[in-house]
Amino acid sequence: MRIDLIEGDITARTADVIVNAANSSLLGGGGVDGAIHRKGGPEILAETRMLRASRYGRGLPVGQAVATTAGRLPARWVVHTVGPVFSATEDRSASLRACYTNSLRVADDLGAVSVAFPLISAGVYRWPVEDAVRQALTALAAATPVHVRTATLVLFGSEAATVGRAVYDVMFS
């Protein structure tokens, strides 16, 4: 699987799957989650409400992933995953990496060939960007999907992109 890293808006990225850095309610929120729900339209919210009513009454657990339609996004599906909140006193990096591996597994089960990921937990969940990129790339590099051929890490803003490229260059040079 090829791993790309780009600067951009994940809601504008064309891919089979766009990954949503969701909150556990699955019902939308701020940051990436809010942007995906706004641009994707009411179809996404309708499916996440059904998921809450059927399988995830208490919300989606951290590190797990589930798929819905992509609505009006330039994708076939959205895979929702809940990242951990950063803690300076507790190592939650395995949970963060699980977001990527479980999202990739769900995408692969759908038969997706291309997946676009945001930088999970690096926004309102305060994960330091440099380590968030490292965790993402570590998880993606270790994965061996059957169908997925391209995983793209979409970094929002020039600062995150600059940090991301530096981490990428160190890890893959």
N, C-alpha and C. Protein backbone atom coordinates (compact mmCIF):
# COMPACT_ATOMS: atom_id res chain seq x y z
N MET A 1 0.84 -1.17 0.00
CA MET A 1 0.00 0.00 0.00
C MET A 1 0.89 1.24 0.00
N ARG A 2 0.57 2.17 -0.87
CA ARG A 2 1.30 3.43 -0.93
C ARG A 2 0.71 4.39 0.10
N ILE A 3 1.58 5.13 0.78
CA ILE A 3 1.14 6.13 1.77
C ILE A 3 1.55 7.50 1.26
N ASP A 4 0.56 8.37 1.06
CA ASP A 4 0.81 9.74 0.63
C ASP A 4 0.49 10.68 1.78
N LEU A 5 1.09 11.84 1.74
CA LEU A 5 0.83 12.88 2.72
C LEU A 5 0.64 14.18 1.95
N ILE A 6 -0.53 14.84 2.14
CA ILE A 6 -0.79 16.08 1.43
C ILE A 6 -1.41 17.11 2.37
N GLU A 7 -1.31 18.36 1.98
CA GLU A 7 -2.00 19.43 2.68
C GLU A 7 -3.34 19.64 1.98
N GLY A 8 -4.41 19.83 2.75
CA GLY A 8 -5.68 20.09 2.10
C GLY A 8 -6.86 19.94 3.03
N ASP A 9 -8.02 19.98 2.40
CA ASP A 9 -9.31 19.84 3.07
C ASP A 9 -9.84 18.45 2.76
N ILE A 10 -9.96 17.62 3.77
CA ILE A 10 -10.37 16.23 3.54
C ILE A 10 -11.75 16.13 2.90
N THR A 11 -12.61 17.11 3.13
CA THR A 11 -13.96 17.04 2.56
C THR A 11 -13.95 17.26 1.05
N ALA A 12 -12.84 17.74 0.51
CA ALA A 12 -12.71 17.95 -0.93
C ALA A 12 -11.91 16.84 -1.60
N ARG A 13 -11.43 15.90 -0.83
CA ARG A 13 -10.56 14.83 -1.33
C ARG A 13 -11.40 13.72 -1.97
N THR A 14 -11.07 13.34 -3.18
CA THR A 14 -11.74 12.23 -3.84
C THR A 14 -11.06 10.93 -3.44
N ALA A 15 -11.85 10.01 -2.90
CA ALA A 15 -11.34 8.70 -2.47
C ALA A 15 -12.53 7.76 -2.32
N ASP A 16 -12.28 6.48 -2.30
CA ASP A 16 -13.37 5.53 -2.02
C ASP A 16 -13.90 5.76 -0.61
N VAL A 17 -12.97 5.99 0.34
CA VAL A 17 -13.34 6.21 1.74
C VAL A 17 -12.68 7.49 2.24
N ILE A 18 -13.48 8.29 2.93
CA ILE A 18 -12.96 9.41 3.71
C ILE A 18 -13.17 9.03 5.17
N VAL A 19 -12.12 9.11 5.95
CA VAL A 19 -12.20 8.78 7.37
C VAL A 19 -12.58 10.03 8.14
N ASN A 20 -13.51 9.87 9.07
CA ASN A 20 -13.98 10.95 9.91
C ASN A 20 -13.41 10.80 11.31
N ALA A 21 -12.76 11.85 11.80
CA ALA A 21 -12.31 11.90 13.20
C ALA A 21 -13.53 12.31 14.02
N ALA A 22 -14.36 11.34 14.34
CA ALA A 22 -15.67 11.57 14.96
C ALA A 22 -15.57 11.68 16.47
N ASN A 23 -16.64 12.18 17.06
CA ASN A 23 -16.76 12.03 18.51
C ASN A 23 -17.60 10.78 18.75
N SER A 24 -17.65 10.31 19.96
CA SER A 24 -18.29 9.02 20.22
C SER A 24 -19.79 9.01 19.92
N SER A 25 -20.42 10.17 19.90
CA SER A 25 -21.86 10.22 19.63
C SER A 25 -22.18 9.86 18.18
N LEU A 26 -21.22 10.04 17.29
CA LEU A 26 -21.38 9.84 15.84
C LEU A 26 -22.35 10.83 15.20
N LEU A 27 -22.78 11.84 15.93
CA LEU A 27 -23.84 12.72 15.44
C LEU A 27 -23.33 14.08 14.97
N GLY A 28 -22.04 14.18 14.72
CA GLY A 28 -21.47 15.44 14.27
C GLY A 28 -20.89 16.21 15.42
N GLY A 29 -20.12 17.21 15.12
CA GLY A 29 -19.48 18.01 16.15
C GLY A 29 -18.66 19.09 15.51
N GLY A 30 -17.50 19.38 16.07
CA GLY A 30 -16.64 20.41 15.52
C GLY A 30 -15.55 19.82 14.66
N GLY A 31 -14.66 20.65 14.18
CA GLY A 31 -13.50 20.22 13.42
C GLY A 31 -13.84 19.37 12.21
N VAL A 32 -13.05 18.32 11.99
CA VAL A 32 -13.25 17.42 10.86
C VAL A 32 -14.66 16.82 10.89
N ASP A 33 -15.10 16.40 12.06
CA ASP A 33 -16.41 15.77 12.21
C ASP A 33 -17.52 16.69 11.72
N GLY A 34 -17.52 17.92 12.18
CA GLY A 34 -18.54 18.88 11.75
C GLY A 34 -18.47 19.17 10.27
N ALA A 35 -17.26 19.32 9.74
CA ALA A 35 -17.09 19.60 8.32
C ALA A 35 -17.61 18.46 7.46
N ILE A 36 -17.33 17.23 7.85
CA ILE A 36 -17.80 16.06 7.09
C ILE A 36 -19.32 15.98 7.13
N HIS A 37 -19.92 16.19 8.28
CA HIS A 37 -21.37 16.15 8.37
C HIS A 37 -22.01 17.29 7.57
N ARG A 38 -21.45 18.49 7.63
CA ARG A 38 -22.02 19.63 6.89
C ARG A 38 -21.94 19.40 5.39
N LYS A 39 -20.76 19.03 4.90
CA LYS A 39 -20.58 18.87 3.46
C LYS A 39 -21.22 17.59 2.94
N GLY A 40 -21.22 16.54 3.76
CA GLY A 40 -21.79 15.26 3.33
C GLY A 40 -23.31 15.27 3.31
N GLY A 41 -23.91 16.11 4.14
CA GLY A 41 -25.36 16.25 4.13
C GLY A 41 -26.08 15.33 5.09
N PRO A 42 -27.40 15.39 5.06
CA PRO A 42 -28.23 14.69 6.04
C PRO A 42 -28.19 13.16 5.94
N GLU A 43 -27.75 12.62 4.83
CA GLU A 43 -27.68 11.17 4.69
C GLU A 43 -26.72 10.54 5.70
N ILE A 44 -25.61 11.23 5.94
CA ILE A 44 -24.63 10.72 6.90
C ILE A 44 -25.24 10.71 8.30
N LEU A 45 -25.86 11.81 8.68
CA LEU A 45 -26.49 11.90 10.01
C LEU A 45 -27.59 10.85 10.16
N ALA A 46 -28.35 10.62 9.13
CA ALA A 46 -29.42 9.61 9.20
C ALA A 46 -28.83 8.23 9.50
N GLU A 47 -27.72 7.89 8.83
CA GLU A 47 -27.11 6.58 9.06
C GLU A 47 -26.44 6.49 10.43
N THR A 48 -25.82 7.59 10.88
CA THR A 48 -25.19 7.53 12.20
C THR A 48 -26.26 7.43 13.30
N ARG A 49 -27.39 8.05 13.07
CA ARG A 49 -28.50 7.90 14.04
C ARG A 49 -28.97 6.46 14.10
N MET A 50 -29.05 5.80 12.96
CA MET A 50 -29.44 4.38 12.95
C MET A 50 -28.41 3.53 13.68
N LEU A 51 -27.13 3.84 13.49
CA LEU A 51 -26.08 3.10 14.20
C LEU A 51 -26.20 3.29 15.70
N ARG A 52 -26.48 4.51 16.13
CA ARG A 52 -26.66 4.78 17.57
C ARG A 52 -27.87 4.02 18.11
N ALA A 53 -28.94 3.94 17.32
CA ALA A 53 -30.16 3.27 17.77
C ALA A 53 -30.00 1.75 17.80
N SER A 54 -29.10 1.22 16.96
CA SER A 54 -28.98 -0.24 16.87
C SER A 54 -27.77 -0.79 17.62
N ARG A 55 -26.57 -0.45 17.20
CA ARG A 55 -25.37 -1.09 17.74
C ARG A 55 -24.57 -0.25 18.72
N TYR A 56 -24.69 1.06 18.64
CA TYR A 56 -23.81 1.93 19.44
C TYR A 56 -24.60 2.90 20.30
N GLY A 57 -25.50 2.36 21.09
CA GLY A 57 -26.34 3.18 21.97
C GLY A 57 -25.54 4.02 22.94
N ARG A 58 -24.39 3.53 23.35
CA ARG A 58 -23.54 4.29 24.27
C ARG A 58 -22.44 5.05 23.52
N GLY A 59 -22.51 5.02 22.21
CA GLY A 59 -21.51 5.69 21.39
C GLY A 59 -20.45 4.73 20.88
N LEU A 60 -19.71 5.18 19.91
CA LEU A 60 -18.63 4.37 19.33
C LEU A 60 -17.41 4.45 20.25
N PRO A 61 -16.87 3.31 20.67
CA PRO A 61 -15.69 3.33 21.55
C PRO A 61 -14.45 3.89 20.85
N VAL A 62 -13.56 4.47 21.61
CA VAL A 62 -12.29 4.99 21.11
C VAL A 62 -11.54 3.88 20.38
N GLY A 63 -11.03 4.22 19.22
CA GLY A 63 -10.23 3.28 18.43
C GLY A 63 -11.01 2.39 17.49
N GLN A 64 -12.32 2.30 17.67
CA GLN A 64 -13.14 1.48 16.79
C GLN A 64 -13.53 2.28 15.55
N ALA A 65 -14.10 1.61 14.55
CA ALA A 65 -14.47 2.27 13.31
C ALA A 65 -15.73 1.64 12.74
N VAL A 66 -16.53 2.47 12.07
CA VAL A 66 -17.78 2.02 11.47
C VAL A 66 -18.04 2.86 10.22
N ALA A 67 -18.67 2.26 9.21
CA ALA A 67 -18.89 2.94 7.93
C ALA A 67 -20.33 3.40 7.75
N THR A 68 -20.46 4.51 7.03
CA THR A 68 -21.76 4.99 6.55
C THR A 68 -21.59 5.44 5.11
N THR A 69 -22.69 5.87 4.52
CA THR A 69 -22.63 6.52 3.23
C THR A 69 -21.77 7.77 3.33
N ALA A 70 -21.32 8.28 2.19
CA ALA A 70 -20.57 9.53 2.17
C ALA A 70 -21.47 10.71 1.80
N GLY A 71 -22.73 10.44 1.54
CA GLY A 71 -23.63 11.52 1.19
C GLY A 71 -23.13 12.29 -0.02
N ARG A 72 -22.96 13.58 0.12
CA ARG A 72 -22.53 14.45 -0.98
C ARG A 72 -21.01 14.64 -1.05
N LEU A 73 -20.26 13.92 -0.24
CA LEU A 73 -18.80 13.99 -0.31
C LEU A 73 -18.28 13.27 -1.55
N PRO A 74 -17.09 13.60 -2.03
CA PRO A 74 -16.53 12.92 -3.20
C PRO A 74 -15.92 11.56 -2.84
N ALA A 75 -16.73 10.72 -2.24
CA ALA A 75 -16.31 9.39 -1.79
C ALA A 75 -17.52 8.47 -1.83
N ARG A 76 -17.28 7.19 -1.68
CA ARG A 76 -18.39 6.23 -1.61
C ARG A 76 -18.86 6.04 -0.18
N TRP A 77 -17.90 6.06 0.76
CA TRP A 77 -18.22 5.82 2.16
C TRP A 77 -17.45 6.80 3.06
N VAL A 78 -17.98 6.98 4.26
CA VAL A 78 -17.25 7.61 5.34
C VAL A 78 -17.05 6.54 6.40
N VAL A 79 -15.82 6.41 6.86
CA VAL A 79 -15.53 5.53 7.99
C VAL A 79 -15.29 6.44 9.19
N HIS A 80 -16.11 6.28 10.21
CA HIS A 80 -16.04 7.09 11.42
C HIS A 80 -15.20 6.36 12.46
N THR A 81 -14.28 7.10 13.09
CA THR A 81 -13.48 6.55 14.17
C THR A 81 -13.32 7.60 15.25
N VAL A 82 -13.20 7.16 16.48
CA VAL A 82 -13.08 8.08 17.61
C VAL A 82 -11.67 8.00 18.16
N GLY A 83 -10.96 9.10 18.05
CA GLY A 83 -9.60 9.16 18.56
C GLY A 83 -9.57 9.44 20.05
N PRO A 84 -8.46 9.09 20.68
CA PRO A 84 -8.30 9.38 22.11
C PRO A 84 -7.95 10.85 22.34
N VAL A 85 -8.33 11.36 23.47
CA VAL A 85 -7.89 12.67 23.91
C VAL A 85 -6.45 12.52 24.40
N PHE A 86 -5.58 13.45 24.02
CA PHE A 86 -4.18 13.37 24.45
C PHE A 86 -4.07 13.51 25.96
N SER A 87 -3.17 12.73 26.52
CA SER A 87 -2.86 12.83 27.95
C SER A 87 -1.35 12.86 28.12
N ALA A 88 -0.87 13.80 28.88
CA ALA A 88 0.57 13.88 29.17
C ALA A 88 0.99 12.84 30.21
N THR A 89 0.02 12.23 30.91
CA THR A 89 0.35 11.29 31.98
C THR A 89 0.00 9.84 31.66
N GLU A 90 -0.69 9.60 30.56
CA GLU A 90 -1.09 8.25 30.18
C GLU A 90 -0.81 8.04 28.70
N ASP A 91 -0.13 6.95 28.35
CA ASP A 91 0.19 6.66 26.95
C ASP A 91 -1.04 6.07 26.26
N ARG A 92 -1.63 6.84 25.38
CA ARG A 92 -2.81 6.41 24.64
C ARG A 92 -2.50 6.20 23.15
N SER A 93 -1.22 6.09 22.83
CA SER A 93 -0.82 5.99 21.43
C SER A 93 -1.33 4.71 20.76
N ALA A 94 -1.47 3.62 21.49
CA ALA A 94 -2.01 2.39 20.89
C ALA A 94 -3.46 2.61 20.45
N SER A 95 -4.21 3.36 21.22
CA SER A 95 -5.60 3.67 20.84
C SER A 95 -5.63 4.55 19.60
N LEU A 96 -4.69 5.48 19.49
CA LEU A 96 -4.64 6.34 18.31
C LEU A 96 -4.29 5.51 17.08
N ARG A 97 -3.30 4.64 17.19
CA ARG A 97 -2.93 3.79 16.05
C ARG A 97 -4.09 2.86 15.67
N ALA A 98 -4.86 2.41 16.67
CA ALA A 98 -6.02 1.55 16.39
C ALA A 98 -7.06 2.27 15.53
N CYS A 99 -7.18 3.58 15.68
CA CYS A 99 -8.10 4.33 14.82
C CYS A 99 -7.75 4.12 13.35
N TYR A 100 -6.46 4.18 13.04
CA TYR A 100 -6.02 4.02 11.66
C TYR A 100 -6.16 2.57 11.20
N THR A 101 -5.72 1.62 12.01
CA THR A 101 -5.79 0.22 11.57
C THR A 101 -7.23 -0.27 11.47
N ASN A 102 -8.08 0.12 12.41
CA ASN A 102 -9.47 -0.32 12.33
C ASN A 102 -10.22 0.36 11.20
N SER A 103 -9.93 1.63 10.94
CA SER A 103 -10.54 2.32 9.80
C SER A 103 -10.11 1.67 8.50
N LEU A 104 -8.83 1.34 8.41
CA LEU A 104 -8.32 0.69 7.22
C LEU A 104 -8.95 -0.69 7.03
N ARG A 105 -9.14 -1.42 8.12
CA ARG A 105 -9.79 -2.73 8.04
C ARG A 105 -11.23 -2.60 7.53
N VAL A 106 -11.97 -1.64 8.05
CA VAL A 106 -13.35 -1.42 7.60
C VAL A 106 -13.35 -1.05 6.12
N ALA A 107 -12.46 -0.14 5.72
CA ALA A 107 -12.36 0.26 4.31
C ALA A 107 -12.03 -0.93 3.43
N ASP A 108 -11.12 -1.76 3.88
CA ASP A 108 -10.73 -2.94 3.12
C ASP A 108 -11.89 -3.92 3.00
N ASP A 109 -12.64 -4.09 4.09
CA ASP A 109 -13.82 -4.96 4.05
C ASP A 109 -14.87 -4.47 3.06
N LEU A 110 -14.92 -3.16 2.85
CA LEU A 110 -15.85 -2.57 1.88
C LEU A 110 -15.36 -2.74 0.44
N GLY A 111 -14.09 -3.11 0.29
CA GLY A 111 -13.50 -3.23 -1.04
C GLY A 111 -12.90 -1.93 -1.55
N ALA A 112 -12.70 -0.97 -0.67
CA ALA A 112 -12.13 0.33 -1.05
C ALA A 112 -10.69 0.16 -1.52
N VAL A 113 -10.32 0.97 -2.50
CA VAL A 113 -8.96 0.97 -3.02
C VAL A 113 -8.19 2.18 -2.51
N SER A 114 -8.90 3.28 -2.25
CA SER A 114 -8.24 4.50 -1.77
C SER A 114 -8.94 5.02 -0.52
N VAL A 115 -8.12 5.46 0.45
CA VAL A 115 -8.64 5.95 1.72
C VAL A 115 -7.93 7.26 2.06
N ALA A 116 -8.71 8.27 2.44
CA ALA A 116 -8.15 9.55 2.88
C ALA A 116 -8.40 9.69 4.38
N PHE A 117 -7.33 9.94 5.12
CA PHE A 117 -7.39 10.08 6.58
C PHE A 117 -7.11 11.52 6.99
N PRO A 118 -7.83 12.02 7.99
CA PRO A 118 -7.40 13.27 8.62
C PRO A 118 -6.33 12.92 9.66
N LEU A 119 -5.78 13.92 10.28
CA LEU A 119 -4.83 13.68 11.37
C LEU A 119 -5.65 13.55 12.65
N ILE A 120 -5.99 12.32 12.99
CA ILE A 120 -6.91 12.01 14.09
C ILE A 120 -6.33 12.46 15.43
N SER A 121 -7.17 13.07 16.23
CA SER A 121 -6.88 13.53 17.59
C SER A 121 -6.00 14.78 17.68
N ALA A 122 -5.54 15.32 16.56
CA ALA A 122 -4.61 16.45 16.60
C ALA A 122 -5.32 17.80 16.70
N GLY A 123 -6.62 17.82 16.64
CA GLY A 123 -7.36 19.08 16.76
C GLY A 123 -7.80 19.32 18.19
N VAL A 124 -9.11 19.26 18.41
CA VAL A 124 -9.65 19.55 19.74
C VAL A 124 -9.22 18.53 20.80
N TYR A 125 -8.74 17.36 20.36
CA TYR A 125 -8.27 16.36 21.33
C TYR A 125 -6.80 16.57 21.70
N ARG A 126 -6.18 17.63 21.17
CA ARG A 126 -4.89 18.18 21.60
C ARG A 126 -3.67 17.26 21.43
N TRP A 127 -3.74 16.25 20.57
CA TRP A 127 -2.56 15.41 20.37
C TRP A 127 -1.51 16.24 19.64
N PRO A 128 -0.26 16.26 20.09
CA PRO A 128 0.78 17.03 19.40
C PRO A 128 0.94 16.56 17.95
N VAL A 129 0.96 17.50 17.03
CA VAL A 129 0.95 17.19 15.60
C VAL A 129 2.08 16.25 15.21
N GLU A 130 3.29 16.53 15.66
CA GLU A 130 4.43 15.70 15.26
C GLU A 130 4.20 14.23 15.65
N ASP A 131 3.78 14.00 16.87
CA ASP A 131 3.55 12.62 17.31
C ASP A 131 2.31 12.03 16.66
N ALA A 132 1.29 12.84 16.41
CA ALA A 132 0.09 12.33 15.73
C ALA A 132 0.44 11.83 14.33
N VAL A 133 1.29 12.57 13.63
CA VAL A 133 1.73 12.12 12.30
C VAL A 133 2.53 10.83 12.43
N ARG A 134 3.43 10.78 13.40
CA ARG A 134 4.26 9.58 13.61
C ARG A 134 3.39 8.35 13.90
N GLN A 135 2.40 8.51 14.75
CA GLN A 135 1.50 7.39 15.09
C GLN A 135 0.71 6.95 13.86
N ALA A 136 0.22 7.92 13.08
CA ALA A 136 -0.55 7.60 11.87
C ALA A 136 0.31 6.83 10.88
N LEU A 137 1.50 7.35 10.60
CA LEU A 137 2.37 6.70 9.62
C LEU A 137 2.85 5.34 10.10
N THR A 138 3.09 5.19 11.39
CA THR A 138 3.50 3.90 11.95
C THR A 138 2.39 2.87 11.74
N ALA A 139 1.15 3.24 12.05
CA ALA A 139 0.02 2.32 11.89
C ALA A 139 -0.20 1.97 10.43
N LEU A 140 -0.16 2.96 9.55
CA LEU A 140 -0.41 2.71 8.13
C LEU A 140 0.70 1.88 7.50
N ALA A 141 1.95 2.14 7.88
CA ALA A 141 3.08 1.39 7.31
C ALA A 141 3.06 -0.07 7.72
N ALA A 142 2.49 -0.38 8.87
CA ALA A 142 2.44 -1.76 9.35
C ALA A 142 1.26 -2.54 8.79
N ALA A 143 0.32 -1.85 8.18
CA ALA A 143 -0.90 -2.50 7.70
C ALA A 143 -0.65 -3.27 6.40
N THR A 144 -1.43 -4.34 6.24
CA THR A 144 -1.33 -5.15 5.02
C THR A 144 -2.74 -5.42 4.47
N PRO A 145 -3.39 -4.37 3.97
CA PRO A 145 -4.74 -4.57 3.46
C PRO A 145 -4.75 -5.38 2.17
N VAL A 146 -5.90 -5.96 1.87
CA VAL A 146 -6.07 -6.75 0.65
C VAL A 146 -6.42 -5.85 -0.54
N HIS A 147 -7.36 -4.93 -0.33
CA HIS A 147 -7.88 -4.11 -1.42
C HIS A 147 -7.28 -2.71 -1.48
N VAL A 148 -7.07 -2.10 -0.34
CA VAL A 148 -6.62 -0.71 -0.30
C VAL A 148 -5.21 -0.61 -0.88
N ARG A 149 -5.08 0.26 -1.87
CA ARG A 149 -3.79 0.46 -2.53
C ARG A 149 -3.14 1.79 -2.15
N THR A 150 -3.96 2.79 -1.77
CA THR A 150 -3.44 4.11 -1.42
C THR A 150 -4.10 4.62 -0.16
N ALA A 151 -3.30 5.01 0.81
CA ALA A 151 -3.78 5.69 2.01
C ALA A 151 -3.16 7.08 1.99
N THR A 152 -4.01 8.09 2.06
CA THR A 152 -3.54 9.47 2.02
C THR A 152 -3.83 10.14 3.36
N LEU A 153 -2.80 10.70 3.96
CA LEU A 153 -2.96 11.46 5.19
C LEU A 153 -3.11 12.92 4.76
N VAL A 154 -4.31 13.48 5.00
CA VAL A 154 -4.63 14.83 4.57
C VAL A 154 -4.46 15.76 5.77
N LEU A 155 -3.48 16.64 5.68
CA LEU A 155 -3.16 17.55 6.78
C LEU A 155 -3.75 18.92 6.50
N PHE A 156 -4.46 19.45 7.48
CA PHE A 156 -5.14 20.73 7.32
C PHE A 156 -4.24 21.87 7.78
N GLY A 157 -3.85 22.72 6.84
CA GLY A 157 -3.03 23.88 7.16
C GLY A 157 -1.56 23.68 6.88
N SER A 158 -0.90 24.78 6.58
CA SER A 158 0.52 24.70 6.20
C SER A 158 1.42 24.28 7.35
N GLU A 159 1.08 24.69 8.56
CA GLU A 159 1.91 24.31 9.71
C GLU A 159 1.90 22.79 9.92
N ALA A 160 0.72 22.20 9.92
CA ALA A 160 0.62 20.74 10.07
C ALA A 160 1.29 20.03 8.90
N ALA A 161 1.14 20.57 7.70
CA ALA A 161 1.76 19.94 6.53
C ALA A 161 3.28 19.99 6.61
N THR A 162 3.83 21.10 7.07
CA THR A 162 5.29 21.21 7.21
C THR A 162 5.81 20.21 8.23
N VAL A 163 5.16 20.12 9.37
CA VAL A 163 5.55 19.15 10.40
C VAL A 163 5.39 17.73 9.85
N GLY A 164 4.27 17.48 9.19
CA GLY A 164 4.00 16.15 8.64
C GLY A 164 5.04 15.70 7.63
N ARG A 165 5.43 16.61 6.73
CA ARG A 165 6.45 16.27 5.73
C ARG A 165 7.79 15.95 6.39
N ALA A 166 8.13 16.69 7.44
CA ALA A 166 9.39 16.44 8.15
C ALA A 166 9.38 15.06 8.79
N VAL A 167 8.28 14.69 9.43
CA VAL A 167 8.17 13.37 10.06
C VAL A 167 8.20 12.29 8.98
N TYR A 168 7.47 12.49 7.90
CA TYR A 168 7.43 11.54 6.80
C TYR A 168 8.83 11.31 6.24
N ASP A 169 9.57 12.40 6.01
CA ASP A 169 10.92 12.28 5.46
C ASP A 169 11.85 11.51 6.38
N VAL A 170 11.75 11.72 7.69
CA VAL A 170 12.58 10.99 8.64
C VAL A 170 12.22 9.51 8.64
N MET A 171 10.92 9.22 8.60
CA MET A 171 10.48 7.82 8.71
C MET A 171 10.71 7.03 7.42
N PHE A 172 10.62 7.67 6.27
CA PHE A 172 10.64 6.94 5.00
C PHE A 172 11.83 7.30 4.11
N SER A 173 12.85 7.89 4.67
CA SER A 173 14.05 8.22 3.86
C SER A 173 15.12 7.17 4.02
